[in-house]
Amino acid sequence: MLLSIREVPQLAGRCFSAAGFPDGTAQTNADAIWWTEAYRGSGITTLHHLLGDLSKWDRSDLSLSNRASMVTTVDSSEQPSCVSAGPALDLSCSQAQQHGIGITYTSIASDDESLPLIGHTAYRAAERGYVPIVLYTDTENGAGTIVGTPDEPQPLIAERTFDDPSVGYVKIMDAIERGLHQYRNYPLMQAFFDREEENRYSNAETRLLDRLMRRSMEPSDRPLPTDESGFLIVCIDPLHPRYPNEVKGIVEQFIADEADEFTTVFRPEDVQERVGKMVNEGVEIEREIWDDIFEYSSGVLAPPFEGSRDDAGFGLE
C-alpha cells in the first residue's frame, strides 16, 4: 500500500505522542522519521522496529557528567541516541555560537535500534547554519562518520560506515579521558596535531577542522571496549571570528574529494528529486507494518473492540 508523504510525520508524531512524549519532542522525533524515510528510504520501517520500546524512553534520565568551555559529556543512562540527540545538538550549537566549536559526547544503549535516525542530527545542525560532524559507534551496529554543511535547497550530508570506530572518534574520546577538553583554548590541538602533516591551510582552526575530518574518515586500529556505545556531535560556526570565511567551502571540497570513500553522499538536488517523487507517487509500506503503526498511534485513545470493526462507534450503552 501507499502513504502520502504527509502521513509519514503525522503517523510518527501520533506514535510518539501516544507513547507519552511532549508535543515538541514528539514533533522532533517525527521529523527524524520523515528525514530517514526521505534520505534513507527506511523511516517507516525504523519506526516500526521502535514501537515496542517507545514507552520506555525517558529524556529525564539524561544527565550532564562533565562540562567544559567547548566539550560536554552526557550520561544517557542507557537511553537510545534518539532520546539524547536533541539535547546534545543544542549543547553543541550553544558552545559553537560562543567559541566557534562545540562538542558533545553522549553514551547510548548498546544495539541502539534508533541509530538509523542519527543522520537527522547532522541535518538539523546544518539547517541551523552550522557545519556538523557526527561520529558514532555501537557495539552491535558498527560505527560511522557523518559530515554536513549548509546548502540549498537541502543541507549537503555525507556518511561513511565502519566496522570499528573512526580514528577521529577515538582521538576525541582520548582527549576527553585525558582531560584535554578542560583547556580553555584549542582543546583538541594536542589530539590532532600529534604528527607532521602537510599544512593545507594557514589558519590553525581550519587545519584542525581539516585534520578532524580526515581522521574521521580513517578506520581505527584500536577499537573501543566492546561494552561502550556512544556518539559525538561536533558543531562548527562558520561565521565565528576564529574561522575564516572558507570553512563551508573546505567541507564541500572535502566531501567532493572523498566522494568515493563515503558510503553515501546525500546531495541536495538528489534529495529534492527523491522527495518530489514521494510527493507524486507516495511512500510504499507493507500493510502489516501500517496496521501495527496505526494501531499504536490510535489504540491508546480508542482500544479496539468487536463493535468497532463493524463501524459501530464506541458502543456506548
Protein backbone atom coordinates (compact mmCIF):
# COMPACT_ATOMS: atom_id res chain seq x y z
CA MET A 1 0.00 0.00 0.00
CA LEU A 2 0.99 3.64 -0.36
CA LEU A 3 1.02 6.55 2.09
CA SER A 4 1.10 10.20 1.14
CA ILE A 5 4.31 11.88 2.17
CA ARG A 6 2.39 13.99 4.71
CA GLU A 7 1.21 10.87 6.51
CA VAL A 8 4.76 9.81 7.42
CA PRO A 9 5.43 12.58 10.00
CA GLN A 10 1.75 12.61 11.03
CA LEU A 11 1.70 8.91 11.91
CA ALA A 12 5.12 9.12 13.54
CA GLY A 13 4.10 12.13 15.63
CA ARG A 14 0.97 10.36 16.82
CA CYS A 15 3.04 7.31 17.83
CA PHE A 16 5.43 9.41 19.89
CA SER A 17 2.53 11.30 21.45
CA ALA A 18 0.77 8.02 22.27
CA ALA A 19 3.99 6.89 23.98
CA GLY A 20 3.82 9.94 26.26
CA PHE A 21 6.28 12.33 24.62
CA PRO A 22 5.67 16.08 24.99
CA ASP A 23 4.43 17.75 21.81
CA GLY A 24 7.75 19.39 20.91
CA THR A 25 9.81 16.23 21.41
CA ALA A 26 7.23 14.13 19.57
CA GLN A 27 7.42 16.53 16.60
CA THR A 28 11.23 16.48 16.55
CA ASN A 29 11.28 12.68 16.58
CA ALA A 30 8.60 12.59 13.89
CA ASP A 31 10.78 14.87 11.77
CA ALA A 32 13.66 12.40 12.27
CA ILE A 33 11.43 9.59 10.96
CA TRP A 34 10.49 11.71 7.95
CA TRP A 35 14.17 12.55 7.29
CA THR A 36 15.15 8.89 7.48
CA GLU A 37 12.42 7.99 5.02
CA ALA A 38 13.31 10.82 2.62
CA TYR A 39 17.07 10.30 2.78
CA ARG A 40 17.48 6.59 3.53
CA GLY A 41 14.14 5.14 2.49
CA SER A 42 13.79 3.43 5.88
CA GLY A 43 11.95 5.82 8.19
CA ILE A 44 8.72 3.84 8.39
CA THR A 45 10.47 0.51 8.97
CA THR A 46 12.67 2.09 11.64
CA LEU A 47 9.58 3.46 13.40
CA HIS A 48 8.02 0.00 13.25
CA HIS A 49 11.10 -1.53 14.89
CA LEU A 50 10.94 1.06 17.67
CA LEU A 51 7.26 0.70 18.63
CA GLY A 52 7.87 -1.81 21.38
CA ASP A 53 10.35 0.47 23.17
CA LEU A 54 8.90 3.98 22.72
CA SER A 55 7.07 3.98 26.04
CA LYS A 56 10.35 3.13 27.85
CA TRP A 57 12.23 6.16 26.55
CA ASP A 58 12.67 8.89 29.15
CA ARG A 59 14.54 12.11 28.46
CA SER A 60 14.61 12.89 32.19
CA ASP A 61 17.14 10.05 32.61
CA LEU A 62 19.80 12.15 30.84
CA SER A 63 22.35 13.97 32.98
CA LEU A 64 25.45 16.10 32.46
CA SER A 65 28.52 14.22 33.62
CA ASN A 66 31.14 16.80 32.61
CA ARG A 67 31.15 20.24 31.03
CA ALA A 68 34.00 22.43 29.80
CA SER A 69 34.02 25.52 27.59
CA MET A 70 33.82 23.60 24.31
CA VAL A 71 33.16 19.97 25.28
CA THR A 72 30.25 18.43 27.19
CA THR A 73 29.67 14.80 28.12
CA VAL A 74 26.20 13.42 28.78
CA ASP A 75 25.28 10.24 30.63
CA SER A 76 22.28 8.76 28.83
CA SER A 77 21.51 6.06 31.43
CA GLU A 78 21.23 3.52 28.58
CA GLN A 79 18.69 5.62 26.68
CA PRO A 80 18.92 5.34 22.86
CA SER A 81 20.51 8.01 20.67
CA CYS A 82 17.13 9.36 19.56
CA VAL A 83 16.44 10.49 23.15
CA SER A 84 19.74 12.31 23.66
CA ALA A 85 20.30 13.64 20.12
CA GLY A 86 18.20 16.79 20.58
CA PRO A 87 19.78 17.94 23.87
CA ALA A 88 23.27 17.01 22.59
CA LEU A 89 22.74 19.10 19.47
CA ASP A 90 21.51 22.08 21.50
CA LEU A 91 24.59 21.90 23.74
CA SER A 92 27.00 21.71 20.81
CA CYS A 93 25.30 24.59 18.97
CA SER A 94 25.38 26.75 22.09
CA GLN A 95 29.10 26.14 22.57
CA ALA A 96 29.81 26.72 18.88
CA GLN A 97 27.99 30.03 18.99
CA GLN A 98 30.21 31.19 21.85
CA HIS A 99 33.55 29.60 20.98
CA GLY A 100 33.33 28.67 17.29
CA ILE A 101 33.28 24.94 18.01
CA GLY A 102 31.14 22.79 20.29
CA ILE A 103 31.45 19.08 21.02
CA THR A 104 29.05 16.88 22.94
CA TYR A 105 29.57 13.21 23.71
CA THR A 106 26.63 11.05 24.72
CA SER A 107 26.69 7.43 25.77
CA ILE A 108 23.89 5.32 24.28
CA ALA A 109 22.36 1.91 24.80
CA SER A 110 24.08 -0.97 23.03
CA ASP A 111 22.29 -2.32 19.95
CA ASP A 112 20.50 1.01 19.54
CA GLU A 113 17.68 0.49 17.04
CA SER A 114 17.17 4.25 16.74
CA LEU A 115 20.71 4.73 15.38
CA PRO A 116 19.49 4.97 11.74
CA LEU A 117 17.94 8.33 12.76
CA ILE A 118 21.30 9.84 13.83
CA GLY A 119 21.85 11.48 10.44
CA HIS A 120 18.94 13.78 11.20
CA THR A 121 21.06 15.35 13.94
CA ALA A 122 23.67 16.41 11.38
CA TYR A 123 20.88 17.64 9.12
CA ARG A 124 19.37 19.79 11.89
CA ALA A 125 22.77 21.29 12.73
CA ALA A 126 23.32 22.20 9.07
CA GLU A 127 19.81 23.68 8.89
CA ARG A 128 20.80 25.96 11.77
CA GLY A 129 23.82 27.15 9.77
CA TYR A 130 26.50 25.04 11.49
CA VAL A 131 28.98 22.62 9.97
CA PRO A 132 28.30 19.27 11.70
CA ILE A 133 30.49 16.20 12.14
CA VAL A 134 28.70 13.29 13.83
CA LEU A 135 30.82 10.33 14.95
CA TYR A 136 29.10 7.26 16.36
CA THR A 137 29.85 3.72 17.46
CA ASP A 138 27.59 0.93 18.63
CA THR A 139 28.69 -2.48 19.83
CA GLU A 140 26.14 -4.23 17.61
CA ASN A 141 25.55 -1.85 14.69
CA GLY A 142 29.10 -0.73 13.89
CA ALA A 143 30.37 2.81 13.59
CA GLY A 144 30.23 5.76 11.25
CA THR A 145 31.04 9.36 10.39
CA ILE A 146 28.51 11.89 9.08
CA VAL A 147 29.69 15.24 7.70
CA GLY A 148 27.45 18.06 6.57
CA THR A 149 27.31 21.66 5.50
CA PRO A 150 24.51 24.18 4.93
CA ASP A 151 23.38 24.17 1.31
CA GLU A 152 20.33 24.86 -0.85
CA PRO A 153 17.67 23.53 -1.23
CA GLN A 154 18.76 20.99 1.41
CA PRO A 155 21.93 20.59 3.50
CA LEU A 156 24.70 18.52 1.93
CA ILE A 157 25.19 15.37 4.02
CA ALA A 158 27.71 12.54 3.55
CA GLU A 159 28.21 9.35 5.59
CA ARG A 160 30.80 6.61 5.85
CA THR A 161 30.25 3.47 7.89
CA PHE A 162 32.91 1.34 9.60
CA ASP A 163 33.13 -1.93 11.47
CA ASP A 164 35.11 -0.18 14.25
CA PRO A 165 35.24 3.44 15.45
CA SER A 166 37.00 6.03 13.31
CA VAL A 167 40.36 7.48 14.30
CA GLY A 168 38.61 10.82 14.86
CA TYR A 169 36.17 9.28 17.34
CA VAL A 170 38.93 7.53 19.26
CA LYS A 171 41.12 10.65 19.42
CA ILE A 172 38.34 12.87 20.72
CA MET A 173 37.41 10.28 23.34
CA ASP A 174 41.09 10.01 24.34
CA ALA A 175 41.25 13.80 24.67
CA ILE A 176 38.19 13.78 26.94
CA GLU A 177 39.54 10.95 29.08
CA ARG A 178 42.94 12.71 29.40
CA GLY A 179 41.28 15.99 30.36
CA LEU A 180 42.50 17.93 27.32
CA HIS A 181 38.98 19.26 26.82
CA GLN A 182 39.37 21.26 30.02
CA TYR A 183 41.92 23.55 28.35
CA ARG A 184 40.45 26.97 27.75
CA ASN A 185 41.96 27.33 24.28
CA TYR A 186 42.48 24.79 21.50
CA PRO A 187 41.22 21.76 23.46
CA LEU A 188 41.81 19.32 20.61
CA MET A 189 45.06 20.64 19.17
CA GLN A 190 47.19 18.11 21.05
CA ALA A 191 44.98 15.26 19.86
CA PHE A 192 45.04 16.12 16.16
CA PHE A 193 48.46 17.73 15.78
CA ASP A 194 50.32 14.66 17.01
CA ARG A 195 52.18 14.01 13.77
CA GLU A 196 53.68 16.00 10.94
CA GLU A 197 51.30 16.55 8.06
CA GLU A 198 51.11 18.87 5.10
CA ASN A 199 49.67 22.22 6.15
CA ARG A 200 46.85 22.58 3.66
CA TYR A 201 45.57 25.75 5.33
CA SER A 202 47.29 28.70 7.01
CA ASN A 203 44.77 29.16 9.83
CA ALA A 204 45.24 26.81 12.81
CA GLU A 205 41.50 26.33 13.29
CA THR A 206 40.89 25.36 9.67
CA ARG A 207 43.85 22.97 9.83
CA LEU A 208 42.23 21.42 12.91
CA LEU A 209 38.92 21.06 11.03
CA ASP A 210 40.68 19.50 8.04
CA ARG A 211 42.55 17.00 10.23
CA LEU A 212 39.43 16.17 12.22
CA MET A 213 37.51 15.39 9.04
CA ARG A 214 40.33 13.33 7.56
CA ARG A 215 40.92 11.33 10.75
CA SER A 216 37.18 10.76 10.96
CA MET A 217 37.36 9.00 7.59
CA GLU A 218 40.07 6.59 8.79
CA PRO A 219 39.08 3.30 10.47
CA SER A 220 40.75 2.87 13.84
CA ASP A 221 43.20 0.05 14.53
CA ARG A 222 42.43 0.38 18.25
CA PRO A 223 38.76 -0.49 18.82
CA LEU A 224 36.95 0.81 21.86
CA PRO A 225 35.85 -1.61 24.60
CA THR A 226 33.00 -3.83 23.48
CA ASP A 227 30.68 -2.52 26.20
CA GLU A 228 30.87 1.14 25.12
CA SER A 229 28.46 2.74 22.66
CA GLY A 230 28.01 6.44 22.05
CA PHE A 231 28.10 9.34 19.63
CA LEU A 232 29.83 12.71 19.30
CA ILE A 233 28.26 15.75 17.68
CA VAL A 234 30.77 18.41 16.64
CA CYS A 235 29.29 21.74 15.53
CA ILE A 236 31.39 24.47 13.93
CA ASP A 237 30.12 28.00 13.43
CA PRO A 238 31.47 29.13 10.04
CA LEU A 239 30.62 32.76 10.89
CA HIS A 240 32.59 32.82 14.15
CA PRO A 241 35.54 35.28 14.18
CA ARG A 242 38.06 32.49 14.86
CA TYR A 243 37.29 30.94 11.46
CA PRO A 244 37.96 32.44 8.02
CA ASN A 245 35.11 32.62 5.52
CA GLU A 246 36.33 29.48 3.75
CA VAL A 247 35.01 26.91 6.25
CA LYS A 248 31.88 25.97 4.30
CA GLY A 249 33.93 25.66 1.11
CA ILE A 250 36.51 23.49 2.87
CA VAL A 251 33.84 20.98 3.90
CA GLU A 252 32.22 20.98 0.46
CA GLN A 253 35.61 20.39 -1.16
CA PHE A 254 36.41 17.64 1.33
CA ILE A 255 33.17 15.82 0.51
CA ALA A 256 33.89 16.20 -3.21
CA ASP A 257 37.47 14.92 -2.82
CA GLU A 258 36.42 11.96 -0.65
CA ALA A 259 33.20 11.12 -2.51
CA ASP A 260 34.39 7.63 -3.41
CA GLU A 261 35.26 6.89 0.24
CA PHE A 262 31.84 7.86 1.60
CA THR A 263 29.25 5.11 1.82
CA THR A 264 26.55 7.59 0.79
CA VAL A 265 26.52 11.24 -0.26
CA PHE A 266 23.11 12.90 0.07
CA ARG A 267 23.32 15.69 -2.48
CA PRO A 268 20.62 18.41 -2.23
CA GLU A 269 19.48 18.01 -5.83
CA ASP A 270 19.18 14.23 -5.45
CA VAL A 271 17.18 14.54 -2.24
CA GLN A 272 14.91 17.13 -3.81
CA GLU A 273 14.24 14.75 -6.70
CA ARG A 274 13.53 11.87 -4.32
CA VAL A 275 11.14 13.97 -2.21
CA GLY A 276 9.38 15.15 -5.37
CA LYS A 277 8.90 11.53 -6.40
CA MET A 278 7.50 10.71 -2.94
CA VAL A 279 5.06 13.63 -3.25
CA ASN A 280 3.82 12.36 -6.62
CA GLU A 281 3.89 8.62 -6.03
CA GLY A 282 3.55 8.22 -2.26
CA VAL A 283 5.57 6.11 0.17
CA GLU A 284 5.33 2.35 -0.16
CA ILE A 285 4.61 0.43 3.05
CA GLU A 286 3.61 -3.14 3.84
CA ARG A 287 0.03 -3.46 5.03
CA GLU A 288 1.07 -5.34 8.19
CA ILE A 289 3.51 -2.57 9.16
CA TRP A 290 0.88 0.10 8.56
CA ASP A 291 -1.63 -1.82 10.70
CA ASP A 292 0.84 -2.01 13.61
CA ILE A 293 1.79 1.67 13.38
CA PHE A 294 -1.81 2.84 13.01
CA GLU A 295 -2.96 0.68 15.92
CA TYR A 296 -0.17 2.03 18.13
CA SER A 297 -0.88 5.63 17.14
CA SER A 298 -4.61 5.41 17.84
CA GLY A 299 -5.14 2.43 20.13
CA VAL A 300 -4.24 4.38 23.28
CA LEU A 301 -7.19 6.67 22.62
CA ALA A 302 -9.68 4.05 21.47
CA PRO A 303 -8.74 0.42 22.25
CA PRO A 304 -10.10 -1.97 19.57
CA PHE A 305 -13.24 -3.95 20.29
CA GLU A 306 -15.57 -6.12 18.23
CA GLY A 307 -18.16 -3.44 17.56
CA SER A 308 -15.60 -1.00 16.19
CA ARG A 309 -14.73 -3.44 13.39
CA ASP A 310 -18.34 -3.16 12.22
CA ASP A 311 -18.22 0.64 12.21
CA ALA A 312 -20.49 0.69 15.25
CA GLY A 313 -18.82 3.59 17.01
CA PHE A 314 -17.81 3.29 20.64
CA GLY A 315 -20.72 1.07 21.54
CA LEU A 316 -21.90 3.20 24.47
CA GLU A 317 -24.80 1.77 26.45
